[in-house]
C-alpha atoms as a PDB file:
ATOM      1  CA  UNK A   1      18.649 -13.025  -9.739  1.00  0.00           C
ATOM      2  CA  UNK A   2      19.127 -15.651  -6.897  1.00  0.00           C
ATOM      3  CA  UNK A   3      15.455 -16.602  -7.117  1.00  0.00           C
ATOM      4  CA  UNK A   4      15.795 -18.162 -10.604  1.00  0.00           C
ATOM      5  CA  UNK A   5      18.496 -20.410  -9.244  1.00  0.00           C
ATOM      6  CA  UNK A   6      17.189 -21.364  -5.784  1.00  0.00           C
ATOM      7  CA  UNK A   7      13.489 -20.438  -5.868  1.00  0.00           C
ATOM      8  CA  UNK A   8      14.108 -18.839  -2.546  1.00  0.00           C
ATOM      9  CA  UNK A   9      11.783 -16.290  -1.046  1.00  0.00           C
ATOM     10  CA  UNK A  10      11.705 -14.013   2.084  1.00  0.00           C
ATOM     11  CA  UNK A  11       8.693 -14.901   4.349  1.00  0.00           C
ATOM     12  CA  UNK A  12       7.502 -12.513   6.968  1.00  0.00           C
ATOM     13  CA  UNK A  13       4.407 -13.072   9.069  1.00  0.00           C
ATOM     14  CA  UNK A  14       2.939 -10.146  10.999  1.00  0.00           C
ATOM     15  CA  UNK A  15       0.243 -10.334  13.867  1.00  0.00           C
ATOM     16  CA  UNK A  16      -1.711  -7.245  13.329  1.00  0.00           C
ATOM     17  CA  UNK A  17      -4.560  -6.241  15.577  1.00  0.00           C
ATOM     18  CA  UNK A  18      -8.053  -6.195  13.743  1.00  0.00           C
ATOM     19  CA  UNK A  19      -8.329  -2.499  13.881  1.00  0.00           C
ATOM     20  CA  UNK A  20      -4.913  -1.888  12.031  1.00  0.00           C
ATOM     21  CA  UNK A  21      -5.256  -4.617   9.547  1.00  0.00           C
ATOM     22  CA  UNK A  22      -6.710  -2.325   6.801  1.00  0.00           C
ATOM     23  CA  UNK A  23      -4.101   0.338   7.519  1.00  0.00           C
ATOM     24  CA  UNK A  24      -1.197  -2.083   7.336  1.00  0.00           C
ATOM     25  CA  UNK A  25      -2.597  -3.410   3.846  1.00  0.00           C
ATOM     26  CA  UNK A  26      -2.929   0.149   2.717  1.00  0.00           C
ATOM     27  CA  UNK A  27       0.830   0.637   3.662  1.00  0.00           C
ATOM     28  CA  UNK A  28       1.724  -2.513   1.858  1.00  0.00           C
ATOM     29  CA  UNK A  29       0.081  -1.378  -1.429  1.00  0.00           C
ATOM     30  CA  UNK A  30       1.844   1.920  -1.168  1.00  0.00           C
ATOM     31  CA  UNK A  31       5.234   0.168  -1.250  1.00  0.00           C
ATOM     32  CA  UNK A  32       4.648  -0.327  -4.872  1.00  0.00           C
ATOM     33  CA  UNK A  33       5.613  -3.984  -5.418  1.00  0.00           C
ATOM     34  CA  UNK A  34       8.135  -4.594  -2.609  1.00  0.00           C
ATOM     35  CA  UNK A  35       6.218  -7.527  -1.678  1.00  0.00           C
ATOM     36  CA  UNK A  36       3.027  -9.600  -2.121  1.00  0.00           C
ATOM     37  CA  UNK A  37       0.962 -10.261   0.891  1.00  0.00           C
ATOM     38  CA  UNK A  38      -1.979 -12.558   1.887  1.00  0.00           C
ATOM     39  CA  UNK A  39      -4.199 -12.336   4.935  1.00  0.00           C
ATOM     40  CA  UNK A  40      -5.642 -14.838   7.387  1.00  0.00           C
ATOM     41  CA  UNK A  41      -8.904 -14.393   9.094  1.00  0.00           C
ATOM     42  CA  UNK A  42      -9.062 -12.520  12.326  1.00  0.00           C
ATOM     43  CA  UNK A  43      -8.380 -14.821  15.292  1.00  0.00           C
ATOM     44  CA  UNK A  44     -11.171 -14.284  17.733  1.00  0.00           C
ATOM     45  CA  UNK A  45      -9.073 -15.203  20.860  1.00  0.00           C
ATOM     46  CA  UNK A  46      -6.371 -12.715  20.223  1.00  0.00           C
ATOM     47  CA  UNK A  47      -8.308 -10.342  18.007  1.00  0.00           C
ATOM     48  CA  UNK A  48      -5.374 -10.348  15.612  1.00  0.00           C
ATOM     49  CA  UNK A  49      -5.014 -10.792  11.805  1.00  0.00           C
ATOM     50  CA  UNK A  50      -2.049 -12.829  10.489  1.00  0.00           C
ATOM     51  CA  UNK A  51      -0.549 -11.113   7.388  1.00  0.00           C
ATOM     52  CA  UNK A  52       2.052 -12.961   5.246  1.00  0.00           C
ATOM     53  CA  UNK A  53       4.580 -11.171   3.245  1.00  0.00           C
ATOM     54  CA  UNK A  54       6.597 -12.655   0.542  1.00  0.00           C
ATOM     55  CA  UNK A  55       9.354 -11.015  -1.280  1.00  0.00           C
ATOM     56  CA  UNK A  56      12.464 -11.861  -3.479  1.00  0.00           C
ATOM     57  CA  UNK A  57      15.116 -13.109  -1.172  1.00  0.00           C
ATOM     58  CA  UNK A  58      17.327 -10.079  -2.422  1.00  0.00           C
ATOM     59  CA  UNK A  59      14.879  -7.533  -0.966  1.00  0.00           C
ATOM     60  CA  UNK A  60      14.684  -9.275   2.331  1.00  0.00           C
ATOM     61  CA  UNK A  61      16.723  -6.579   4.257  1.00  0.00           C
ATOM     62  CA  UNK A  62      14.773  -3.725   2.782  1.00  0.00           C
ATOM     63  CA  UNK A  63      11.431  -5.322   3.570  1.00  0.00           C
ATOM     64  CA  UNK A  64      12.840  -6.103   7.224  1.00  0.00           C
ATOM     65  CA  UNK A  65      13.813  -2.506   7.439  1.00  0.00           C
ATOM     66  CA  UNK A  66      10.213  -1.340   6.459  1.00  0.00           C
ATOM     67  CA  UNK A  67       8.740  -3.963   8.807  1.00  0.00           C
ATOM     68  CA  UNK A  68      10.833  -2.473  11.733  1.00  0.00           C
ATOM     69  CA  UNK A  69       9.879   0.920  11.077  1.00  0.00           C
ATOM     70  CA  UNK A  70       6.025   0.219  10.986  1.00  0.00           C
ATOM     71  CA  UNK A  71       6.339  -2.092  14.346  1.00  0.00           C
ATOM     72  CA  UNK A  72       8.271   0.926  15.978  1.00  0.00           C
ATOM     73  CA  UNK A  73       5.407   3.101  15.077  1.00  0.00           C
ATOM     74  CA  UNK A  74       2.609   0.681  16.054  1.00  0.00           C
ATOM     75  CA  UNK A  75       4.017  -1.584  18.874  1.00  0.00           C
ATOM     76  CA  UNK A  76       0.857  -3.575  18.891  1.00  0.00           C
ATOM     77  CA  UNK A  77       1.927  -5.044  15.667  1.00  0.00           C
ATOM     78  CA  UNK A  78       4.323  -8.213  16.048  1.00  0.00           C
ATOM     79  CA  UNK A  79       6.744  -9.952  13.772  1.00  0.00           C
ATOM     80  CA  UNK A  80       5.726 -13.599  14.321  1.00  0.00           C
ATOM     81  CA  UNK A  81       8.238 -15.149  11.615  1.00  0.00           C
ATOM     82  CA  UNK A  82      11.032 -14.179   9.480  1.00  0.00           C
ATOM     83  CA  UNK A  83      12.730 -16.829   7.270  1.00  0.00           C
ATOM     84  CA  UNK A  84      13.729 -17.768   3.859  1.00  0.00           C
ATOM     85  CA  UNK A  85      11.759 -20.535   2.312  1.00  0.00           C
ATOM     86  CA  UNK A  86      11.700 -22.484  -0.945  1.00  0.00           C
ATOM     87  CA  UNK A  87       8.815 -21.357  -3.356  1.00  0.00           C
ATOM     88  CA  UNK A  88       6.614 -24.397  -4.074  1.00  0.00           C
ATOM     89  CA  UNK A  89       4.283 -22.381  -6.327  1.00  0.00           C
ATOM     90  CA  UNK A  90       6.331 -22.765  -9.593  1.00  0.00           C
END
């Protein structure tokens, strides 16, 4: 696996309206270990919650395909960031 050599992970950041945040988290849980996610508090100015998704870099295209499907179904959800980063947690 590439991760063990490079320590790279795919990072996606979604901006999700407050009223859809729980629904998106439920969808993520249903994906059964496709990625891990963390949430940031709702931004009062925009009423959105930032959800950060991390996955093995090998799964980047699969996770991107899932995100594109969800965004197509719910256009108020926006993809803010999509990149590969070095995992500094290990």
